[in-house]
Amino acid sequence: MAEGNSAESGFAADRRCESFDSFVRTIAALRAPNGCPWDREQTHESIAHNMIEEAFEAVDAIEAGDVAHMREELGDVLLQVVLQSQIAADAGEFTIDDVCREVDAKMIRRHPHVFGEAAASDSAAVLDIWDAVKVEEKKRADSQAGERTGLLDGVPTSFPALMQAQKISRKAAAVGFEWDCIDEVWAKVAEEIEEFKDAETPEQAEEEFGDILFALVNVARWSHIDSEGALRRACAKFRRRWSFIEGAAWAQGRDVSDLTQAEMEELWQQAKARE
């Protein structure tokens, strides 16, 4: 094991997480027979959507750099994890200890460069190790179950499209379905753009446009860029600049729709300059 990577870097190895234990007891009390009627009625399915909402709110706080809000939203995410685990415990399915034990074992297993003999000189090598370990985990799981599952079956179709595309392409690359260099990926982008231009029907155009986006996601993957995060930041940037244009129009007693194209472009450039 590499030196200097023990749990003591953050917390002493034997230090109990008293706040976490107290929180788990609070949620258990809410679900107890004399607890909260609303909490007692909840099922895995009834609050599943809350997990997604709280995760997105946490991401918003992170991207805004709002530390206080981030702390609050991470607590809300933790609430969903602990509440779902308590619902499972009440049904005899699993406990929060099982959740922590399994994810702890997974993190150790997927970091052999820290807890084993593997070596990784940079983050790209770490991702390669992570993907390789996941492939081996899938093989063992299939062997134990006595049946095979598809490589991409574990990628939820409910993921945002860019996130789904990046997950799919990473999994395929992990088993060897990959370009040799990023120049080949850019060539694929160019090929898809030409096919889009040659499309003869709206349906073909839509399909080819999707192929362009998928190819660009692979450019991002090769460049170690998270496609979903990059587009979220691009949207946030457009929002900021558009807000500046609207504010400038309102300051003149006008609506933004009253501005000419040239006026909007001038204000857009001013917004860019301010950044």
C-alpha atoms as a PDB file:
ATOM      1  CA  MET A   1       0.000   0.000   0.000  1.00  0.00           C
ATOM      2  CA  ALA A   2       1.206   3.499  -0.808  1.00  0.00           C
ATOM      3  CA  GLU A   3       2.379   5.455   2.235  1.00  0.00           C
ATOM      4  CA  GLY A   4       0.433   8.413   3.578  1.00  0.00           C
ATOM      5  CA  ASN A   5      -2.962   7.217   2.333  1.00  0.00           C
ATOM      6  CA  SER A   6      -4.524   5.999   5.567  1.00  0.00           C
ATOM      7  CA  ALA A   7      -7.907   7.126   6.854  1.00  0.00           C
ATOM      8  CA  GLU A   8      -6.040   9.416   9.277  1.00  0.00           C
ATOM      9  CA  SER A   9      -5.649  11.992   6.503  1.00  0.00           C
ATOM     10  CA  GLY A  10      -9.195  13.134   7.290  1.00  0.00           C
ATOM     11  CA  PHE A  11     -10.375  11.470  10.496  1.00  0.00           C
ATOM     12  CA  ALA A  12      -8.645   9.199  12.970  1.00  0.00           C
ATOM     13  CA  ALA A  13      -9.277   5.594  11.983  1.00  0.00           C
ATOM     14  CA  ASP A  14     -10.961   4.799  15.305  1.00  0.00           C
ATOM     15  CA  ARG A  15     -12.965   8.014  15.606  1.00  0.00           C
ATOM     16  CA  ARG A  16     -16.703   7.388  15.736  1.00  0.00           C
ATOM     17  CA  CYS A  17     -18.935   9.520  13.538  1.00  0.00           C
ATOM     18  CA  GLU A  18     -21.201  10.597  16.376  1.00  0.00           C
ATOM     19  CA  SER A  19     -23.191  13.091  14.315  1.00  0.00           C
ATOM     20  CA  PHE A  20     -23.888  10.473  11.665  1.00  0.00           C
ATOM     21  CA  ASP A  21     -24.960   7.897  14.260  1.00  0.00           C
ATOM     22  CA  SER A  22     -27.250  10.472  15.874  1.00  0.00           C
ATOM     23  CA  PHE A  23     -28.787  11.302  12.499  1.00  0.00           C
ATOM     24  CA  VAL A  24     -29.450   7.622  11.774  1.00  0.00           C
ATOM     25  CA  ARG A  25     -31.208   7.298  15.144  1.00  0.00           C
ATOM     26  CA  THR A  26     -33.317  10.390  14.353  1.00  0.00           C
ATOM     27  CA  ILE A  27     -34.524   8.889  11.076  1.00  0.00           C
ATOM     28  CA  ALA A  28     -35.233   5.569  12.807  1.00  0.00           C
ATOM     29  CA  ALA A  29     -37.337   7.443  15.396  1.00  0.00           C
ATOM     30  CA  LEU A  30     -39.303   9.176  12.627  1.00  0.00           C
ATOM     31  CA  ARG A  31     -40.089   5.763  11.121  1.00  0.00           C
ATOM     32  CA  ALA A  32     -40.945   4.153  14.481  1.00  0.00           C
ATOM     33  CA  PRO A  33     -44.573   3.210  15.348  1.00  0.00           C
ATOM     34  CA  ASN A  34     -44.945   6.391  17.411  1.00  0.00           C
ATOM     35  CA  GLY A  35     -43.003   8.516  14.952  1.00  0.00           C
ATOM     36  CA  CYS A  36     -44.038  10.796  12.082  1.00  0.00           C
ATOM     37  CA  PRO A  37     -47.083   9.617  10.063  1.00  0.00           C
ATOM     38  CA  TRP A  38     -45.624  10.985   6.816  1.00  0.00           C
ATOM     39  CA  ASP A  39     -42.230   9.319   7.266  1.00  0.00           C
ATOM     40  CA  ARG A  40     -43.858   6.022   8.257  1.00  0.00           C
ATOM     41  CA  GLU A  41     -45.940   6.007   5.050  1.00  0.00           C
ATOM     42  CA  GLN A  42     -43.010   6.427   2.681  1.00  0.00           C
ATOM     43  CA  THR A  43     -41.718   3.628   0.453  1.00  0.00           C
ATOM     44  CA  HIS A  44     -38.654   3.320  -1.768  1.00  0.00           C
ATOM     45  CA  GLU A  45     -40.785   4.313  -4.745  1.00  0.00           C
ATOM     46  CA  SER A  46     -42.706   7.191  -3.162  1.00  0.00           C
ATOM     47  CA  ILE A  47     -39.580   9.240  -2.424  1.00  0.00           C
ATOM     48  CA  ALA A  48     -37.346   8.089  -5.295  1.00  0.00           C
ATOM     49  CA  HIS A  49     -37.812  11.381  -7.144  1.00  0.00           C
ATOM     50  CA  ASN A  50     -36.523  13.272  -4.094  1.00  0.00           C
ATOM     51  CA  MET A  51     -33.096  11.689  -4.601  1.00  0.00           C
ATOM     52  CA  ILE A  52     -32.834  13.225  -8.067  1.00  0.00           C
ATOM     53  CA  GLU A  53     -34.109  16.642  -6.969  1.00  0.00           C
ATOM     54  CA  GLU A  54     -31.767  16.878  -3.990  1.00  0.00           C
ATOM     55  CA  ALA A  55     -28.769  15.749  -6.045  1.00  0.00           C
ATOM     56  CA  PHE A  56     -29.394  18.443  -8.650  1.00  0.00           C
ATOM     57  CA  GLU A  57     -29.830  21.095  -5.940  1.00  0.00           C
ATOM     58  CA  ALA A  58     -26.508  20.017  -4.424  1.00  0.00           C
ATOM     59  CA  VAL A  59     -24.833  20.333  -7.824  1.00  0.00           C
ATOM     60  CA  ASP A  60     -26.269  23.847  -8.216  1.00  0.00           C
ATOM     61  CA  ALA A  61     -24.778  24.856  -4.860  1.00  0.00           C
ATOM     62  CA  ILE A  62     -21.414  23.336  -5.777  1.00  0.00           C
ATOM     63  CA  GLU A  63     -21.287  25.098  -9.129  1.00  0.00           C
ATOM     64  CA  ALA A  64     -22.298  28.382  -7.484  1.00  0.00           C
ATOM     65  CA  GLY A  65     -19.450  28.041  -4.964  1.00  0.00           C
ATOM     66  CA  ASP A  66     -21.961  28.626  -2.162  1.00  0.00           C
ATOM     67  CA  VAL A  67     -20.339  26.673   0.671  1.00  0.00           C
ATOM     68  CA  ALA A  68     -23.111  27.213   3.245  1.00  0.00           C
ATOM     69  CA  HIS A  69     -25.787  26.188   0.743  1.00  0.00           C
ATOM     70  CA  MET A  70     -23.629  23.255  -0.343  1.00  0.00           C
ATOM     71  CA  ARG A  71     -23.464  21.980   3.239  1.00  0.00           C
ATOM     72  CA  GLU A  72     -27.246  22.185   3.518  1.00  0.00           C
ATOM     73  CA  GLU A  73     -27.898  20.451   0.192  1.00  0.00           C
ATOM     74  CA  LEU A  74     -25.398  17.666   0.892  1.00  0.00           C
ATOM     75  CA  GLY A  75     -27.324  17.098   4.111  1.00  0.00           C
ATOM     76  CA  ASP A  76     -30.512  16.752   2.082  1.00  0.00           C
ATOM     77  CA  VAL A  77     -28.819  14.180  -0.156  1.00  0.00           C
ATOM     78  CA  LEU A  78     -27.654  12.297   2.930  1.00  0.00           C
ATOM     79  CA  LEU A  79     -31.227  12.413   4.252  1.00  0.00           C
ATOM     80  CA  GLN A  80     -32.406  10.543   1.169  1.00  0.00           C
ATOM     81  CA  VAL A  81     -29.722   7.874   1.584  1.00  0.00           C
ATOM     82  CA  VAL A  82     -30.435   7.322   5.271  1.00  0.00           C
ATOM     83  CA  LEU A  83     -34.221   7.406   4.865  1.00  0.00           C
ATOM     84  CA  GLN A  84     -34.126   4.913   1.990  1.00  0.00           C
ATOM     85  CA  SER A  85     -31.846   2.688   4.089  1.00  0.00           C
ATOM     86  CA  GLN A  86     -34.207   2.899   7.082  1.00  0.00           C
ATOM     87  CA  ILE A  87     -37.154   1.944   4.860  1.00  0.00           C
ATOM     88  CA  ALA A  88     -35.091  -1.058   3.740  1.00  0.00           C
ATOM     89  CA  ALA A  89     -34.169  -1.924   7.341  1.00  0.00           C
ATOM     90  CA  ASP A  90     -37.835  -1.830   8.372  1.00  0.00           C
ATOM     91  CA  ALA A  91     -38.608  -4.261   5.542  1.00  0.00           C
ATOM     92  CA  GLY A  92     -35.721  -6.562   6.467  1.00  0.00           C
ATOM     93  CA  GLU A  93     -33.868  -5.814   3.205  1.00  0.00           C
ATOM     94  CA  PHE A  94     -30.627  -4.131   4.343  1.00  0.00           C
ATOM     95  CA  THR A  95     -29.360  -1.482   6.766  1.00  0.00           C
ATOM     96  CA  ILE A  96     -27.310   1.697   6.502  1.00  0.00           C
ATOM     97  CA  ASP A  97     -24.391  -0.335   7.880  1.00  0.00           C
ATOM     98  CA  ASP A  98     -24.705  -2.678   4.887  1.00  0.00           C
ATOM     99  CA  VAL A  99     -24.682   0.324   2.537  1.00  0.00           C
ATOM    100  CA  CYS A 100     -21.548   1.783   4.163  1.00  0.00           C
ATOM    101  CA  ARG A 101     -19.794  -1.592   4.345  1.00  0.00           C
ATOM    102  CA  GLU A 102     -20.401  -2.357   0.666  1.00  0.00           C
ATOM    103  CA  VAL A 103     -19.366   1.053  -0.655  1.00  0.00           C
ATOM    104  CA  ASP A 104     -16.266   0.981   1.567  1.00  0.00           C
ATOM    105  CA  ALA A 105     -15.264  -2.404   0.136  1.00  0.00           C
ATOM    106  CA  LYS A 106     -15.967  -1.155  -3.388  1.00  0.00           C
ATOM    107  CA  MET A 107     -13.762   1.926  -2.969  1.00  0.00           C
ATOM    108  CA  ILE A 108     -10.886  -0.209  -1.664  1.00  0.00           C
ATOM    109  CA  ARG A 109     -11.364  -2.729  -4.484  1.00  0.00           C
ATOM    110  CA  ARG A 110     -11.448  -0.042  -7.168  1.00  0.00           C
ATOM    111  CA  HIS A 111      -8.332   1.733  -5.862  1.00  0.00           C
ATOM    112  CA  PRO A 112      -5.641  -0.960  -6.057  1.00  0.00           C
ATOM    113  CA  HIS A 113      -3.131   1.847  -6.743  1.00  0.00           C
ATOM    114  CA  VAL A 114      -3.781   3.044  -3.172  1.00  0.00           C
ATOM    115  CA  PHE A 115      -4.705  -0.124  -1.285  1.00  0.00           C
ATOM    116  CA  GLY A 116      -2.867  -2.671  -3.444  1.00  0.00           C
ATOM    117  CA  GLU A 117       0.122  -3.071  -5.718  1.00  0.00           C
ATOM    118  CA  ALA A 118      -1.127  -1.297  -8.870  1.00  0.00           C
ATOM    119  CA  ALA A 119       0.412   1.978 -10.007  1.00  0.00           C
ATOM    120  CA  ALA A 120      -1.246   5.119 -11.369  1.00  0.00           C
ATOM    121  CA  SER A 121       0.739   8.230 -12.236  1.00  0.00           C
ATOM    122  CA  ASP A 122      -2.207  10.480 -13.120  1.00  0.00           C
ATOM    123  CA  SER A 123      -6.001  10.717 -13.051  1.00  0.00           C
ATOM    124  CA  ALA A 124      -6.335   9.240 -16.556  1.00  0.00           C
ATOM    125  CA  ALA A 125      -4.568   6.088 -15.377  1.00  0.00           C
ATOM    126  CA  VAL A 126      -6.867   5.989 -12.337  1.00  0.00           C
ATOM    127  CA  LEU A 127      -9.951   6.039 -14.594  1.00  0.00           C
ATOM    128  CA  ASP A 128      -8.483   3.195 -16.663  1.00  0.00           C
ATOM    129  CA  ILE A 129      -7.943   1.144 -13.513  1.00  0.00           C
ATOM    130  CA  TRP A 130     -11.462   1.962 -12.295  1.00  0.00           C
ATOM    131  CA  ASP A 131     -13.023   0.824 -15.575  1.00  0.00           C
ATOM    132  CA  ALA A 132     -10.928  -2.363 -15.676  1.00  0.00           C
ATOM    133  CA  VAL A 133     -11.924  -3.284 -12.119  1.00  0.00           C
ATOM    134  CA  LYS A 134     -15.598  -2.685 -12.965  1.00  0.00           C
ATOM    135  CA  VAL A 135     -15.315  -5.030 -15.962  1.00  0.00           C
ATOM    136  CA  GLU A 136     -13.847  -7.748 -13.718  1.00  0.00           C
ATOM    137  CA  GLU A 137     -16.578  -7.152 -11.130  1.00  0.00           C
ATOM    138  CA  LYS A 138     -19.209  -7.662 -13.816  1.00  0.00           C
ATOM    139  CA  LYS A 139     -17.587 -10.921 -14.938  1.00  0.00           C
ATOM    140  CA  ARG A 140     -17.595 -12.245 -11.365  1.00  0.00           C
ATOM    141  CA  ALA A 141     -21.197 -11.173 -10.810  1.00  0.00           C
ATOM    142  CA  ASP A 142     -22.296 -12.872 -14.039  1.00  0.00           C
ATOM    143  CA  SER A 143     -20.411 -16.030 -13.046  1.00  0.00           C
ATOM    144  CA  GLN A 144     -22.018 -16.136  -9.609  1.00  0.00           C
ATOM    145  CA  ALA A 145     -25.477 -15.523 -11.069  1.00  0.00           C
ATOM    146  CA  GLY A 146     -24.944 -18.164 -13.730  1.00  0.00           C
ATOM    147  CA  GLU A 147     -26.020 -15.815 -16.498  1.00  0.00           C
ATOM    148  CA  ARG A 148     -24.646 -12.982 -18.580  1.00  0.00           C
ATOM    149  CA  THR A 149     -25.815  -9.391 -18.545  1.00  0.00           C
ATOM    150  CA  GLY A 150     -25.154  -6.804 -21.211  1.00  0.00           C
ATOM    151  CA  LEU A 151     -22.208  -4.462 -20.742  1.00  0.00           C
ATOM    152  CA  LEU A 152     -24.465  -1.414 -21.032  1.00  0.00           C
ATOM    153  CA  ASP A 153     -27.385  -2.749 -18.972  1.00  0.00           C
ATOM    154  CA  GLY A 154     -26.077  -0.954 -15.909  1.00  0.00           C
ATOM    155  CA  VAL A 155     -26.302   2.483 -17.529  1.00  0.00           C
ATOM    156  CA  PRO A 156     -29.721   3.915 -16.568  1.00  0.00           C
ATOM    157  CA  THR A 157     -31.753   5.108 -19.540  1.00  0.00           C
ATOM    158  CA  SER A 158     -33.117   7.825 -17.217  1.00  0.00           C
ATOM    159  CA  PHE A 159     -29.704   9.533 -17.164  1.00  0.00           C
ATOM    160  CA  PRO A 160     -29.458  12.880 -18.979  1.00  0.00           C
ATOM    161  CA  ALA A 161     -28.488  12.090 -22.575  1.00  0.00           C
ATOM    162  CA  LEU A 162     -24.953  13.504 -22.428  1.00  0.00           C
ATOM    163  CA  MET A 163     -24.201  11.665 -19.194  1.00  0.00           C
ATOM    164  CA  GLN A 164     -25.628   8.466 -20.662  1.00  0.00           C
ATOM    165  CA  ALA A 165     -23.506   8.837 -23.803  1.00  0.00           C
ATOM    166  CA  GLN A 166     -20.320   9.349 -21.798  1.00  0.00           C
ATOM    167  CA  LYS A 167     -21.039   6.343 -19.559  1.00  0.00           C
ATOM    168  CA  ILE A 168     -21.824   4.151 -22.569  1.00  0.00           C
ATOM    169  CA  SER A 169     -18.681   5.133 -24.450  1.00  0.00           C
ATOM    170  CA  ARG A 170     -16.472   4.651 -21.368  1.00  0.00           C
ATOM    171  CA  LYS A 171     -17.807   1.154 -20.828  1.00  0.00           C
ATOM    172  CA  ALA A 172     -17.291   0.221 -24.475  1.00  0.00           C
ATOM    173  CA  ALA A 173     -13.765   1.655 -24.425  1.00  0.00           C
ATOM    174  CA  ALA A 174     -12.946  -0.336 -21.284  1.00  0.00           C
ATOM    175  CA  VAL A 175     -13.322  -3.594 -23.234  1.00  0.00           C
ATOM    176  CA  GLY A 176     -11.371  -2.392 -26.261  1.00  0.00           C
ATOM    177  CA  PHE A 177     -13.956  -0.687 -28.493  1.00  0.00           C
ATOM    178  CA  GLU A 178     -11.956   2.497 -28.802  1.00  0.00           C
ATOM    179  CA  TRP A 179     -10.173   4.825 -31.220  1.00  0.00           C
ATOM    180  CA  ASP A 180      -6.368   4.870 -31.256  1.00  0.00           C
ATOM    181  CA  CYS A 181      -6.051   8.633 -30.845  1.00  0.00           C
ATOM    182  CA  ILE A 182      -8.167  11.758 -30.465  1.00  0.00           C
ATOM    183  CA  ASP A 183      -7.499  12.750 -34.088  1.00  0.00           C
ATOM    184  CA  GLU A 184      -9.577   9.727 -35.122  1.00  0.00           C
ATOM    185  CA  VAL A 185     -12.400  10.917 -32.858  1.00  0.00           C
ATOM    186  CA  TRP A 186     -12.319  14.354 -34.500  1.00  0.00           C
ATOM    187  CA  ALA A 187     -12.414  12.635 -37.881  1.00  0.00           C
ATOM    188  CA  LYS A 188     -15.556  10.841 -36.741  1.00  0.00           C
ATOM    189  CA  VAL A 189     -17.093  14.191 -35.768  1.00  0.00           C
ATOM    190  CA  ALA A 190     -16.322  15.548 -39.247  1.00  0.00           C
ATOM    191  CA  GLU A 191     -17.812  12.441 -40.846  1.00  0.00           C
ATOM    192  CA  GLU A 192     -21.036  12.776 -38.842  1.00  0.00           C
ATOM    193  CA  ILE A 193     -21.325  16.477 -39.725  1.00  0.00           C
ATOM    194  CA  GLU A 194     -21.120  15.647 -43.435  1.00  0.00           C
ATOM    195  CA  GLU A 195     -23.777  12.951 -43.031  1.00  0.00           C
ATOM    196  CA  PHE A 196     -25.981  15.488 -41.248  1.00  0.00           C
ATOM    197  CA  LYS A 197     -25.568  17.941 -44.118  1.00  0.00           C
ATOM    198  CA  ASP A 198     -26.506  15.200 -46.610  1.00  0.00           C
ATOM    199  CA  ALA A 199     -29.637  14.136 -44.717  1.00  0.00           C
ATOM    200  CA  GLU A 200     -32.702  14.129 -46.949  1.00  0.00           C
ATOM    201  CA  THR A 201     -35.500  13.906 -44.378  1.00  0.00           C
ATOM    202  CA  PRO A 202     -36.145  15.461 -40.947  1.00  0.00           C
ATOM    203  CA  GLU A 203     -35.865  11.985 -39.421  1.00  0.00           C
ATOM    204  CA  GLN A 204     -32.454  11.413 -40.980  1.00  0.00           C
ATOM    205  CA  ALA A 205     -31.302  14.871 -39.895  1.00  0.00           C
ATOM    206  CA  GLU A 206     -32.333  14.174 -36.303  1.00  0.00           C
ATOM    207  CA  GLU A 207     -30.532  10.839 -36.293  1.00  0.00           C
ATOM    208  CA  GLU A 208     -27.344  12.299 -37.760  1.00  0.00           C
ATOM    209  CA  PHE A 209     -27.427  15.232 -35.357  1.00  0.00           C
ATOM    210  CA  GLY A 210     -27.571  12.738 -32.495  1.00  0.00           C
ATOM    211  CA  ASP A 211     -24.519  11.011 -33.960  1.00  0.00           C
ATOM    212  CA  ILE A 212     -22.669  14.357 -34.012  1.00  0.00           C
ATOM    213  CA  LEU A 213     -23.440  14.877 -30.319  1.00  0.00           C
ATOM    214  CA  PHE A 214     -22.369  11.325 -29.466  1.00  0.00           C
ATOM    215  CA  ALA A 215     -19.091  11.787 -31.327  1.00  0.00           C
ATOM    216  CA  LEU A 216     -18.471  15.099 -29.524  1.00  0.00           C
ATOM    217  CA  VAL A 217     -19.070  13.376 -26.191  1.00  0.00           C
ATOM    218  CA  ASN A 218     -16.209  11.064 -27.092  1.00  0.00           C
ATOM    219  CA  VAL A 219     -14.002  14.075 -27.842  1.00  0.00           C
ATOM    220  CA  ALA A 220     -14.843  15.276 -24.333  1.00  0.00           C
ATOM    221  CA  ARG A 221     -14.067  11.855 -22.866  1.00  0.00           C
ATOM    222  CA  TRP A 222     -10.683  11.771 -24.579  1.00  0.00           C
ATOM    223  CA  SER A 223     -10.028  15.285 -23.280  1.00  0.00           C
ATOM    224  CA  HIS A 224     -11.032  14.294 -19.702  1.00  0.00           C
ATOM    225  CA  ILE A 225     -14.000  16.666 -19.803  1.00  0.00           C
ATOM    226  CA  ASP A 226     -17.375  15.837 -18.300  1.00  0.00           C
ATOM    227  CA  SER A 227     -19.859  16.552 -21.099  1.00  0.00           C
ATOM    228  CA  GLU A 228     -22.847  17.061 -18.829  1.00  0.00           C
ATOM    229  CA  GLY A 229     -20.965  19.459 -16.569  1.00  0.00           C
ATOM    230  CA  ALA A 230     -19.494  21.358 -19.512  1.00  0.00           C
ATOM    231  CA  LEU A 231     -22.923  21.934 -21.058  1.00  0.00           C
ATOM    232  CA  ARG A 232     -24.397  22.925 -17.692  1.00  0.00           C
ATOM    233  CA  ARG A 233     -21.687  25.578 -17.340  1.00  0.00           C
ATOM    234  CA  ALA A 234     -22.301  26.757 -20.909  1.00  0.00           C
ATOM    235  CA  CYS A 235     -26.003  27.147 -20.089  1.00  0.00           C
ATOM    236  CA  ALA A 236     -25.149  29.050 -16.906  1.00  0.00           C
ATOM    237  CA  LYS A 237     -22.868  31.352 -18.892  1.00  0.00           C
ATOM    238  CA  PHE A 238     -25.613  32.048 -21.434  1.00  0.00           C
ATOM    239  CA  ARG A 239     -28.047  32.784 -18.598  1.00  0.00           C
ATOM    240  CA  ARG A 240     -25.645  35.332 -17.075  1.00  0.00           C
ATOM    241  CA  ARG A 241     -25.079  37.124 -20.365  1.00  0.00           C
ATOM    242  CA  TRP A 242     -28.762  37.095 -21.265  1.00  0.00           C
ATOM    243  CA  SER A 243     -29.619  38.514 -17.853  1.00  0.00           C
ATOM    244  CA  PHE A 244     -27.202  41.377 -18.544  1.00  0.00           C
ATOM    245  CA  ILE A 245     -28.925  42.083 -21.883  1.00  0.00           C
ATOM    246  CA  GLU A 246     -32.361  42.059 -20.255  1.00  0.00           C
ATOM    247  CA  GLY A 247     -31.184  44.316 -17.445  1.00  0.00           C
ATOM    248  CA  ALA A 248     -29.738  46.789 -19.925  1.00  0.00           C
ATOM    249  CA  ALA A 249     -33.011  46.837 -21.883  1.00  0.00           C
ATOM    250  CA  TRP A 250     -35.095  47.337 -18.756  1.00  0.00           C
ATOM    251  CA  ALA A 251     -32.809  50.184 -17.654  1.00  0.00           C
ATOM    252  CA  GLN A 252     -33.807  51.934 -20.900  1.00  0.00           C
ATOM    253  CA  GLY A 253     -37.496  51.290 -20.224  1.00  0.00           C
ATOM    254  CA  ARG A 254     -37.604  48.753 -23.053  1.00  0.00           C
ATOM    255  CA  ASP A 255     -38.322  45.050 -23.375  1.00  0.00           C
ATOM    256  CA  VAL A 256     -35.550  42.847 -24.721  1.00  0.00           C
ATOM    257  CA  SER A 257     -37.749  41.978 -27.708  1.00  0.00           C
ATOM    258  CA  ASP A 258     -37.672  45.684 -28.663  1.00  0.00           C
ATOM    259  CA  LEU A 259     -33.895  45.624 -29.154  1.00  0.00           C
ATOM    260  CA  THR A 260     -32.460  45.256 -32.617  1.00  0.00           C
ATOM    261  CA  GLN A 261     -30.143  42.402 -33.443  1.00  0.00           C
ATOM    262  CA  ALA A 262     -27.220  44.824 -33.524  1.00  0.00           C
ATOM    263  CA  GLU A 263     -28.127  46.217 -30.086  1.00  0.00           C
ATOM    264  CA  MET A 264     -28.397  42.744 -28.596  1.00  0.00           C
ATOM    265  CA  GLU A 265     -25.051  41.754 -30.102  1.00  0.00           C
ATOM    266  CA  GLU A 266     -23.401  44.892 -28.682  1.00  0.00           C
ATOM    267  CA  LEU A 267     -24.791  44.144 -25.220  1.00  0.00           C
ATOM    268  CA  TRP A 268     -23.724  40.505 -25.558  1.00  0.00           C
ATOM    269  CA  GLN A 269     -20.149  41.621 -26.214  1.00  0.00           C
ATOM    270  CA  GLN A 270     -20.357  43.926 -23.180  1.00  0.00           C
ATOM    271  CA  ALA A 271     -21.505  40.995 -21.061  1.00  0.00           C
ATOM    272  CA  LYS A 272     -18.552  38.935 -22.322  1.00  0.00           C
ATOM    273  CA  ALA A 273     -16.145  41.760 -21.525  1.00  0.00           C
ATOM    274  CA  ARG A 274     -17.482  41.993 -17.964  1.00  0.00           C
ATOM    275  CA  GLU A 275     -16.603  38.335 -17.442  1.00  0.00           C
END
